[in-house]
Amino acid sequence: MFKFITSKPLWVNILVGIALAFLLIIIFFGLLSSITGHNKYQKVPSVLAQNVDAARLNLMNLGFSVEVTDSVYDMSVGALSVVRQSPEPDALVKAGRKIFLTINRAVAPQVEMPNLVGFSYRSAEMYLVTLGLKVGDTSYRPDIARNAVLEQLYNNQPIKAGTKLFVGSSISFVLGSGEGSGELLVPDLVGLTYEQAKGQLQTLNINIGSIVLTDAVKDSASAFIIKQNPPVYIETTPNTKTLNKMKPGQLIDLYLSTVAPIKDTTNH
């Protein structure tokens, strides 16, 4: 072969070399399209919510390669199901493109139970949601702290802060009803100024409800109470009045006026 090449004039060899190079270039560019899959595109099917093994098989049967790159936890889908894919469903990609999958964990992660005693129900609920925990049943117990968390329960048993729980676990609350467990006589506030009545109610743990202005009251602090609800006395039988009772934490409505009332002493 070398004798054949060397026996030819140099210019012939140069022309042959150029022709061979030109032929190789044509062959290369002819094969490049099939090698790179140029102008061959496929639509990516949706494998969301499918089990990862089934999703992998479906994609590989269509010529795609598959790689699981991440895992998350989502209570709304099944374990080991596909929650995200890249490229997205219905995207047009080159044939044989690699599809990346994010799957749902088989086992829920764990979080530490916080101490929510003393929190308002709304704040405690928001706190649980941020941790991935659920709010279970609620019950009430006499306590003047209305809707405050008095106790936190898991499976009907008290749960301490720091206890490990699976995400998705339900926590139940015992809340304050807003009323004390004992009873006391309704205080007589008629004739007092609003400021005096407020101080007396605070010592009794009774809350002020509605405030009704009966005339042009400009300074409510110095206005007089001319009526209250509940009243001091109730009529249990005709013409028979007894002292009324209420629980700590209950509400009392006050009617204010700029004119002091004339006290009715017939009930005393």
C-alpha atoms as a PDB file:
ATOM      1  CA  MET A   1       0.000   0.000   0.000  1.00  0.00           C
ATOM      2  CA  PHE A   2       2.824   2.365   0.883  1.00  0.00           C
ATOM      3  CA  LYS A   3       4.534   1.461  -2.425  1.00  0.00           C
ATOM      4  CA  PHE A   4       1.305   2.378  -4.203  1.00  0.00           C
ATOM      5  CA  ILE A   5       1.244   5.756  -2.522  1.00  0.00           C
ATOM      6  CA  THR A   6       4.916   6.538  -3.009  1.00  0.00           C
ATOM      7  CA  SER A   7       4.841   5.466  -6.650  1.00  0.00           C
ATOM      8  CA  LYS A   8       2.363   8.230  -7.471  1.00  0.00           C
ATOM      9  CA  PRO A   9       3.296  11.831  -8.083  1.00  0.00           C
ATOM     10  CA  LEU A  10       2.926  14.157  -5.113  1.00  0.00           C
ATOM     11  CA  TRP A  11       0.117  16.167  -6.622  1.00  0.00           C
ATOM     12  CA  VAL A  12      -1.929  12.967  -7.095  1.00  0.00           C
ATOM     13  CA  ASN A  13      -1.503  12.071  -3.463  1.00  0.00           C
ATOM     14  CA  ILE A  14      -2.560  15.563  -2.424  1.00  0.00           C
ATOM     15  CA  LEU A  15      -5.696  15.361  -4.515  1.00  0.00           C
ATOM     16  CA  VAL A  16      -6.534  11.921  -3.121  1.00  0.00           C
ATOM     17  CA  GLY A  17      -6.023  13.195   0.429  1.00  0.00           C
ATOM     18  CA  ILE A  18      -8.297  16.184  -0.219  1.00  0.00           C
ATOM     19  CA  ALA A  19     -10.962  13.910  -1.725  1.00  0.00           C
ATOM     20  CA  LEU A  20     -10.793  11.542   1.243  1.00  0.00           C
ATOM     21  CA  ALA A  21     -11.081  14.437   3.724  1.00  0.00           C
ATOM     22  CA  PHE A  22     -14.020  15.854   1.814  1.00  0.00           C
ATOM     23  CA  LEU A  23     -15.702  12.423   1.802  1.00  0.00           C
ATOM     24  CA  LEU A  24     -15.179  12.015   5.546  1.00  0.00           C
ATOM     25  CA  ILE A  25     -16.715  15.461   6.205  1.00  0.00           C
ATOM     26  CA  ILE A  26     -19.782  14.577   4.140  1.00  0.00           C
ATOM     27  CA  ILE A  27     -20.172  11.256   5.969  1.00  0.00           C
ATOM     28  CA  PHE A  28     -19.720  12.969   9.383  1.00  0.00           C
ATOM     29  CA  PHE A  29     -22.377  15.617   8.782  1.00  0.00           C
ATOM     30  CA  GLY A  30     -24.646  12.995   7.263  1.00  0.00           C
ATOM     31  CA  LEU A  31     -24.455  10.914  10.412  1.00  0.00           C
ATOM     32  CA  LEU A  32     -24.501  13.900  12.821  1.00  0.00           C
ATOM     33  CA  SER A  33     -28.256  14.352  12.578  1.00  0.00           C
ATOM     34  CA  SER A  34     -28.965  10.758  13.539  1.00  0.00           C
ATOM     35  CA  ILE A  35     -26.310  10.782  16.279  1.00  0.00           C
ATOM     36  CA  THR A  36     -27.613  13.931  17.995  1.00  0.00           C
ATOM     37  CA  GLY A  37     -31.282  13.304  17.263  1.00  0.00           C
ATOM     38  CA  HIS A  38     -31.510  16.628  15.467  1.00  0.00           C
ATOM     39  CA  ASN A  39     -35.080  17.546  14.500  1.00  0.00           C
ATOM     40  CA  LYS A  40     -36.379  14.505  16.400  1.00  0.00           C
ATOM     41  CA  TYR A  41     -38.578  15.645  19.259  1.00  0.00           C
ATOM     42  CA  GLN A  42     -40.935  13.899  21.662  1.00  0.00           C
ATOM     43  CA  LYS A  43     -43.658  15.159  23.948  1.00  0.00           C
ATOM     44  CA  VAL A  44     -42.943  14.374  27.597  1.00  0.00           C
ATOM     45  CA  PRO A  45     -45.830  12.424  29.144  1.00  0.00           C
ATOM     46  CA  SER A  46     -47.115  13.208  32.612  1.00  0.00           C
ATOM     47  CA  VAL A  47     -46.070  10.685  35.261  1.00  0.00           C
ATOM     48  CA  LEU A  48     -47.197  12.816  38.202  1.00  0.00           C
ATOM     49  CA  ALA A  49     -48.851  10.838  41.019  1.00  0.00           C
ATOM     50  CA  GLN A  50     -47.622   7.573  39.486  1.00  0.00           C
ATOM     51  CA  ASN A  51     -45.562   5.126  41.520  1.00  0.00           C
ATOM     52  CA  VAL A  52     -41.896   5.760  40.772  1.00  0.00           C
ATOM     53  CA  ASP A  53     -41.327   2.253  39.367  1.00  0.00           C
ATOM     54  CA  ALA A  54     -44.299   2.523  37.014  1.00  0.00           C
ATOM     55  CA  ALA A  55     -43.255   6.036  35.968  1.00  0.00           C
ATOM     56  CA  ARG A  56     -39.702   4.906  35.230  1.00  0.00           C
ATOM     57  CA  LEU A  57     -40.947   1.967  33.139  1.00  0.00           C
ATOM     58  CA  ASN A  58     -43.381   4.154  31.166  1.00  0.00           C
ATOM     59  CA  LEU A  59     -40.713   6.721  30.351  1.00  0.00           C
ATOM     60  CA  MET A  60     -38.064   4.172  29.414  1.00  0.00           C
ATOM     61  CA  ASN A  61     -40.504   2.412  27.085  1.00  0.00           C
ATOM     62  CA  LEU A  62     -40.785   5.712  25.215  1.00  0.00           C
ATOM     63  CA  GLY A  63     -37.007   5.974  24.888  1.00  0.00           C
ATOM     64  CA  PHE A  64     -36.350   8.419  27.728  1.00  0.00           C
ATOM     65  CA  SER A  65     -33.742   7.888  30.411  1.00  0.00           C
ATOM     66  CA  VAL A  66     -34.813   8.502  34.015  1.00  0.00           C
ATOM     67  CA  GLU A  67     -33.092   9.773  37.159  1.00  0.00           C
ATOM     68  CA  VAL A  68     -34.605  10.288  40.633  1.00  0.00           C
ATOM     69  CA  THR A  69     -32.927  13.423  41.974  1.00  0.00           C
ATOM     70  CA  ASP A  70     -34.875  14.400  45.099  1.00  0.00           C
ATOM     71  CA  SER A  71     -37.555  13.396  47.580  1.00  0.00           C
ATOM     72  CA  VAL A  72     -40.068  15.412  49.586  1.00  0.00           C
ATOM     73  CA  TYR A  73     -43.025  14.613  51.810  1.00  0.00           C
ATOM     74  CA  ASP A  74     -46.575  15.442  50.765  1.00  0.00           C
ATOM     75  CA  MET A  75     -49.504  14.023  52.740  1.00  0.00           C
ATOM     76  CA  SER A  76     -51.865  14.463  49.787  1.00  0.00           C
ATOM     77  CA  VAL A  77     -50.175  11.846  47.555  1.00  0.00           C
ATOM     78  CA  GLY A  78     -49.144   8.232  48.018  1.00  0.00           C
ATOM     79  CA  ALA A  79     -45.764   7.007  49.198  1.00  0.00           C
ATOM     80  CA  LEU A  80     -43.071   6.794  46.473  1.00  0.00           C
ATOM     81  CA  SER A  81     -45.311   8.670  44.035  1.00  0.00           C
ATOM     82  CA  VAL A  82     -43.917  11.231  41.610  1.00  0.00           C
ATOM     83  CA  VAL A  83     -44.611  14.764  42.847  1.00  0.00           C
ATOM     84  CA  ARG A  84     -42.513  16.718  40.318  1.00  0.00           C
ATOM     85  CA  GLN A  85     -40.864  16.039  36.978  1.00  0.00           C
ATOM     86  CA  SER A  86     -38.441  17.974  34.829  1.00  0.00           C
ATOM     87  CA  PRO A  87     -39.032  18.712  31.992  1.00  0.00           C
ATOM     88  CA  GLU A  88     -42.700  19.406  32.710  1.00  0.00           C
ATOM     89  CA  PRO A  89     -45.494  17.288  31.182  1.00  0.00           C
ATOM     90  CA  ASP A  90     -46.223  17.986  27.496  1.00  0.00           C
ATOM     91  CA  ALA A  91     -42.864  19.682  26.962  1.00  0.00           C
ATOM     92  CA  LEU A  92     -41.208  18.987  23.581  1.00  0.00           C
ATOM     93  CA  VAL A  93     -37.698  17.602  24.050  1.00  0.00           C
ATOM     94  CA  LYS A  94     -35.139  15.721  21.993  1.00  0.00           C
ATOM     95  CA  ALA A  95     -35.636  11.986  21.721  1.00  0.00           C
ATOM     96  CA  GLY A  96     -33.887  10.076  24.495  1.00  0.00           C
ATOM     97  CA  ARG A  97     -33.776  13.084  26.841  1.00  0.00           C
ATOM     98  CA  LYS A  98     -33.207  12.362  30.538  1.00  0.00           C
ATOM     99  CA  ILE A  99     -36.244  13.004  32.745  1.00  0.00           C
ATOM    100  CA  PHE A 100     -35.591  14.012  36.347  1.00  0.00           C
ATOM    101  CA  LEU A 101     -38.109  12.948  39.016  1.00  0.00           C
ATOM    102  CA  THR A 102     -38.871  14.095  42.549  1.00  0.00           C
ATOM    103  CA  ILE A 103     -40.733  11.488  44.569  1.00  0.00           C
ATOM    104  CA  ASN A 104     -42.744  11.397  47.778  1.00  0.00           C
ATOM    105  CA  ARG A 105     -41.040   9.791  50.752  1.00  0.00           C
ATOM    106  CA  ALA A 106     -42.242   6.403  51.928  1.00  0.00           C
ATOM    107  CA  VAL A 107     -41.965   7.420  55.606  1.00  0.00           C
ATOM    108  CA  ALA A 108     -43.036  10.772  56.990  1.00  0.00           C
ATOM    109  CA  PRO A 109     -40.279  12.881  58.598  1.00  0.00           C
ATOM    110  CA  GLN A 110     -40.463  13.676  62.293  1.00  0.00           C
ATOM    111  CA  VAL A 111     -40.775  17.006  64.084  1.00  0.00           C
ATOM    112  CA  GLU A 112     -40.614  18.023  67.740  1.00  0.00           C
ATOM    113  CA  MET A 113     -43.853  18.892  69.499  1.00  0.00           C
ATOM    114  CA  PRO A 114     -43.747  22.507  70.742  1.00  0.00           C
ATOM    115  CA  ASN A 115     -45.203  23.747  74.022  1.00  0.00           C
ATOM    116  CA  LEU A 116     -48.416  25.503  73.003  1.00  0.00           C
ATOM    117  CA  VAL A 117     -49.990  25.805  76.471  1.00  0.00           C
ATOM    118  CA  GLY A 118     -51.010  29.427  76.962  1.00  0.00           C
ATOM    119  CA  PHE A 119     -51.227  30.162  73.230  1.00  0.00           C
ATOM    120  CA  SER A 120     -54.506  31.321  71.729  1.00  0.00           C
ATOM    121  CA  TYR A 121     -56.236  28.634  69.678  1.00  0.00           C
ATOM    122  CA  ARG A 122     -55.589  30.516  66.424  1.00  0.00           C
ATOM    123  CA  SER A 123     -51.873  30.970  67.147  1.00  0.00           C
ATOM    124  CA  ALA A 124     -51.498  27.323  68.183  1.00  0.00           C
ATOM    125  CA  GLU A 125     -53.253  26.182  65.010  1.00  0.00           C
ATOM    126  CA  MET A 126     -50.948  28.259  62.793  1.00  0.00           C
ATOM    127  CA  TYR A 127     -47.893  26.938  64.654  1.00  0.00           C
ATOM    128  CA  LEU A 128     -48.940  23.313  64.062  1.00  0.00           C
ATOM    129  CA  VAL A 129     -49.547  23.951  60.361  1.00  0.00           C
ATOM    130  CA  THR A 130     -46.021  25.333  59.913  1.00  0.00           C
ATOM    131  CA  LEU A 131     -44.667  22.080  61.393  1.00  0.00           C
ATOM    132  CA  GLY A 132     -46.847  19.876  59.188  1.00  0.00           C
ATOM    133  CA  LEU A 133     -49.027  18.724  62.085  1.00  0.00           C
ATOM    134  CA  LYS A 134     -52.832  18.671  62.088  1.00  0.00           C
ATOM    135  CA  VAL A 135     -55.326  20.123  64.562  1.00  0.00           C
ATOM    136  CA  GLY A 136     -57.536  17.393  65.986  1.00  0.00           C
ATOM    137  CA  ASP A 137     -60.550  17.703  68.278  1.00  0.00           C
ATOM    138  CA  THR A 138     -61.058  20.568  70.695  1.00  0.00           C
ATOM    139  CA  SER A 139     -62.781  20.474  74.065  1.00  0.00           C
ATOM    140  CA  TYR A 140     -63.435  23.153  76.682  1.00  0.00           C
ATOM    141  CA  ARG A 141     -62.797  23.488  80.377  1.00  0.00           C
ATOM    142  CA  PRO A 142     -63.912  26.252  82.722  1.00  0.00           C
ATOM    143  CA  ASP A 143     -61.229  28.923  82.678  1.00  0.00           C
ATOM    144  CA  ILE A 144     -61.387  32.675  82.296  1.00  0.00           C
ATOM    145  CA  ALA A 145     -58.759  32.555  79.517  1.00  0.00           C
ATOM    146  CA  ARG A 146     -61.197  32.221  76.629  1.00  0.00           C
ATOM    147  CA  ASN A 147     -59.920  29.988  73.776  1.00  0.00           C
ATOM    148  CA  ALA A 148     -56.468  29.713  75.348  1.00  0.00           C
ATOM    149  CA  VAL A 149     -54.738  26.324  75.155  1.00  0.00           C
ATOM    150  CA  LEU A 150     -54.862  24.683  78.584  1.00  0.00           C
ATOM    151  CA  GLU A 151     -53.658  21.257  77.510  1.00  0.00           C
ATOM    152  CA  GLN A 152     -52.242  19.574  74.382  1.00  0.00           C
ATOM    153  CA  LEU A 153     -53.076  15.930  73.633  1.00  0.00           C
ATOM    154  CA  TYR A 154     -51.882  13.206  71.274  1.00  0.00           C
ATOM    155  CA  ASN A 155     -54.039  10.063  71.058  1.00  0.00           C
ATOM    156  CA  ASN A 156     -56.056  11.459  73.985  1.00  0.00           C
ATOM    157  CA  GLN A 157     -52.943  11.589  76.186  1.00  0.00           C
ATOM    158  CA  PRO A 158     -51.005  14.694  77.280  1.00  0.00           C
ATOM    159  CA  ILE A 159     -47.922  15.228  75.127  1.00  0.00           C
ATOM    160  CA  LYS A 160     -44.817  17.010  76.336  1.00  0.00           C
ATOM    161  CA  ALA A 161     -42.854  19.567  74.378  1.00  0.00           C
ATOM    162  CA  GLY A 162     -39.916  17.997  72.555  1.00  0.00           C
ATOM    163  CA  THR A 163     -41.664  14.693  71.847  1.00  0.00           C
ATOM    164  CA  LYS A 164     -40.926  13.415  68.329  1.00  0.00           C
ATOM    165  CA  LEU A 165     -43.986  13.084  66.077  1.00  0.00           C
ATOM    166  CA  PHE A 166     -44.444  12.090  62.452  1.00  0.00           C
ATOM    167  CA  VAL A 167     -45.532  14.888  60.134  1.00  0.00           C
ATOM    168  CA  GLY A 168     -49.299  14.624  59.650  1.00  0.00           C
ATOM    169  CA  SER A 169     -50.014  13.625  63.255  1.00  0.00           C
ATOM    170  CA  SER A 170     -53.116  15.172  64.883  1.00  0.00           C
ATOM    171  CA  ILE A 171     -52.928  17.204  68.074  1.00  0.00           C
ATOM    172  CA  SER A 172     -56.043  17.901  70.149  1.00  0.00           C
ATOM    173  CA  PHE A 173     -56.489  20.883  72.443  1.00  0.00           C
ATOM    174  CA  VAL A 174     -58.300  21.564  75.686  1.00  0.00           C
ATOM    175  CA  LEU A 175     -59.299  25.248  75.597  1.00  0.00           C
ATOM    176  CA  GLY A 176     -60.523  27.704  78.189  1.00  0.00           C
ATOM    177  CA  SER A 177     -64.247  28.344  77.983  1.00  0.00           C
ATOM    178  CA  GLY A 178     -63.886  31.958  79.094  1.00  0.00           C
ATOM    179  CA  GLU A 179     -65.812  31.302  82.310  1.00  0.00           C
ATOM    180  CA  GLY A 180     -64.519  30.466  85.764  1.00  0.00           C
ATOM    181  CA  SER A 181     -65.528  27.305  87.555  1.00  0.00           C
ATOM    182  CA  GLY A 182     -67.192  29.072  90.477  1.00  0.00           C
ATOM    183  CA  GLU A 183     -70.102  31.505  90.731  1.00  0.00           C
ATOM    184  CA  LEU A 184     -70.263  34.970  92.232  1.00  0.00           C
ATOM    185  CA  LEU A 185     -72.953  37.554  92.792  1.00  0.00           C
ATOM    186  CA  VAL A 186     -73.509  40.033  89.996  1.00  0.00           C
ATOM    187  CA  PRO A 187     -71.959  43.296  91.209  1.00  0.00           C
ATOM    188  CA  ASP A 188     -74.133  46.389  91.496  1.00  0.00           C
ATOM    189  CA  LEU A 189     -72.525  48.928  89.175  1.00  0.00           C
ATOM    190  CA  VAL A 190     -75.413  51.378  88.708  1.00  0.00           C
ATOM    191  CA  GLY A 191     -74.397  54.828  89.932  1.00  0.00           C
ATOM    192  CA  LEU A 192     -70.666  54.222  89.561  1.00  0.00           C
ATOM    193  CA  THR A 193     -68.573  55.937  86.933  1.00  0.00           C
ATOM    194  CA  TYR A 194     -67.279  53.800  84.106  1.00  0.00           C
ATOM    195  CA  GLU A 195     -63.727  54.042  85.472  1.00  0.00           C
ATOM    196  CA  GLN A 196     -64.856  52.897  88.950  1.00  0.00           C
ATOM    197  CA  ALA A 197     -66.875  50.010  87.502  1.00  0.00           C
ATOM    198  CA  LYS A 198     -63.980  48.865  85.285  1.00  0.00           C
ATOM    199  CA  GLY A 199     -61.672  48.634  88.283  1.00  0.00           C
ATOM    200  CA  GLN A 200     -64.232  46.632  90.277  1.00  0.00           C
ATOM    201  CA  LEU A 201     -64.874  44.223  87.397  1.00  0.00           C
ATOM    202  CA  GLN A 202     -61.165  43.600  86.926  1.00  0.00           C
ATOM    203  CA  THR A 203     -60.821  42.420  90.532  1.00  0.00           C
ATOM    204  CA  LEU A 204     -63.729  39.993  89.944  1.00  0.00           C
ATOM    205  CA  ASN A 205     -62.409  38.722  86.569  1.00  0.00           C
ATOM    206  CA  ILE A 206     -65.600  39.835  84.848  1.00  0.00           C
ATOM    207  CA  ASN A 207     -65.263  41.202  81.326  1.00  0.00           C
ATOM    208  CA  ILE A 208     -66.981  44.259  79.942  1.00  0.00           C
ATOM    209  CA  GLY A 209     -69.238  43.468  76.993  1.00  0.00           C
ATOM    210  CA  SER A 210     -71.139  46.117  75.046  1.00  0.00           C
ATOM    211  CA  ILE A 211     -70.986  49.778  76.062  1.00  0.00           C
ATOM    212  CA  VAL A 212     -74.153  51.692  75.185  1.00  0.00           C
ATOM    213  CA  LEU A 213     -74.167  55.508  75.276  1.00  0.00           C
ATOM    214  CA  THR A 214     -77.648  56.801  76.157  1.00  0.00           C
ATOM    215  CA  ASP A 215     -76.833  60.495  75.578  1.00  0.00           C
ATOM    216  CA  ALA A 216     -74.012  62.718  74.314  1.00  0.00           C
ATOM    217  CA  VAL A 217     -71.225  61.215  76.406  1.00  0.00           C
ATOM    218  CA  LYS A 218     -67.886  62.814  75.596  1.00  0.00           C
ATOM    219  CA  ASP A 219     -65.736  61.351  78.373  1.00  0.00           C
ATOM    220  CA  SER A 220     -66.746  57.749  78.959  1.00  0.00           C
ATOM    221  CA  ALA A 221     -64.368  57.380  81.916  1.00  0.00           C
ATOM    222  CA  SER A 222     -66.369  59.860  83.994  1.00  0.00           C
ATOM    223  CA  ALA A 223     -69.788  58.891  82.621  1.00  0.00           C
ATOM    224  CA  PHE A 224     -72.266  57.214  84.983  1.00  0.00           C
ATOM    225  CA  ILE A 225     -73.656  53.712  84.668  1.00  0.00           C
ATOM    226  CA  ILE A 226     -77.437  53.895  84.615  1.00  0.00           C
ATOM    227  CA  LYS A 227     -78.145  50.278  83.670  1.00  0.00           C
ATOM    228  CA  GLN A 228     -76.357  46.939  83.449  1.00  0.00           C
ATOM    229  CA  ASN A 229     -77.008  43.526  81.928  1.00  0.00           C
ATOM    230  CA  PRO A 230     -77.133  41.057  83.608  1.00  0.00           C
ATOM    231  CA  PRO A 231     -78.912  42.936  86.409  1.00  0.00           C
ATOM    232  CA  VAL A 232     -78.209  42.551  90.107  1.00  0.00           C
ATOM    233  CA  TYR A 233     -81.604  40.954  90.782  1.00  0.00           C
ATOM    234  CA  ILE A 234     -83.732  38.471  88.850  1.00  0.00           C
ATOM    235  CA  GLU A 235     -87.412  37.716  89.375  1.00  0.00           C
ATOM    236  CA  THR A 236     -87.628  33.989  90.081  1.00  0.00           C
ATOM    237  CA  THR A 237     -91.336  34.069  90.876  1.00  0.00           C
ATOM    238  CA  PRO A 238     -93.874  36.898  90.536  1.00  0.00           C
ATOM    239  CA  ASN A 239     -92.997  39.729  92.896  1.00  0.00           C
ATOM    240  CA  THR A 240     -90.043  37.758  94.266  1.00  0.00           C
ATOM    241  CA  LYS A 241     -86.533  38.891  93.416  1.00  0.00           C
ATOM    242  CA  THR A 242     -83.284  37.112  94.219  1.00  0.00           C
ATOM    243  CA  LEU A 243     -79.670  38.056  93.768  1.00  0.00           C
ATOM    244  CA  ASN A 244     -78.365  37.157  90.342  1.00  0.00           C
ATOM    245  CA  LYS A 245     -75.164  35.119  89.824  1.00  0.00           C
ATOM    246  CA  MET A 246     -72.538  34.876  87.113  1.00  0.00           C
ATOM    247  CA  LYS A 247     -69.214  33.181  86.512  1.00  0.00           C
ATOM    248  CA  PRO A 248     -65.782  34.779  86.259  1.00  0.00           C
ATOM    249  CA  GLY A 249     -64.965  35.512  82.642  1.00  0.00           C
ATOM    250  CA  GLN A 250     -68.550  36.258  81.627  1.00  0.00           C
ATOM    251  CA  LEU A 251     -69.547  39.557  80.013  1.00  0.00           C
ATOM    252  CA  ILE A 252     -71.549  42.388  81.481  1.00  0.00           C
ATOM    253  CA  ASP A 253     -73.059  45.156  79.315  1.00  0.00           C
ATOM    254  CA  LEU A 254     -72.957  48.739  80.554  1.00  0.00           C
ATOM    255  CA  TYR A 255     -75.242  51.696  79.721  1.00  0.00           C
ATOM    256  CA  LEU A 256     -73.572  55.087  80.201  1.00  0.00           C
ATOM    257  CA  SER A 257     -74.971  58.580  80.692  1.00  0.00           C
ATOM    258  CA  THR A 258     -73.687  62.010  81.625  1.00  0.00           C
ATOM    259  CA  VAL A 259     -76.368  62.184  84.361  1.00  0.00           C
ATOM    260  CA  ALA A 260     -76.062  60.116  87.509  1.00  0.00           C
ATOM    261  CA  PRO A 261     -79.059  57.797  88.082  1.00  0.00           C
ATOM    262  CA  ILE A 262     -81.360  57.819  91.090  1.00  0.00           C
ATOM    263  CA  LYS A 263     -80.649  54.592  92.927  1.00  0.00           C
ATOM    264  CA  ASP A 264     -83.588  52.266  93.473  1.00  0.00           C
ATOM    265  CA  THR A 265     -83.353  51.091  97.086  1.00  0.00           C
ATOM    266  CA  THR A 266     -86.538  49.024  97.111  1.00  0.00           C
ATOM    267  CA  ASN A 267     -84.607  45.843  96.297  1.00  0.00           C
ATOM    268  CA  HIS A 268     -82.238  46.168  99.258  1.00  0.00           C
END
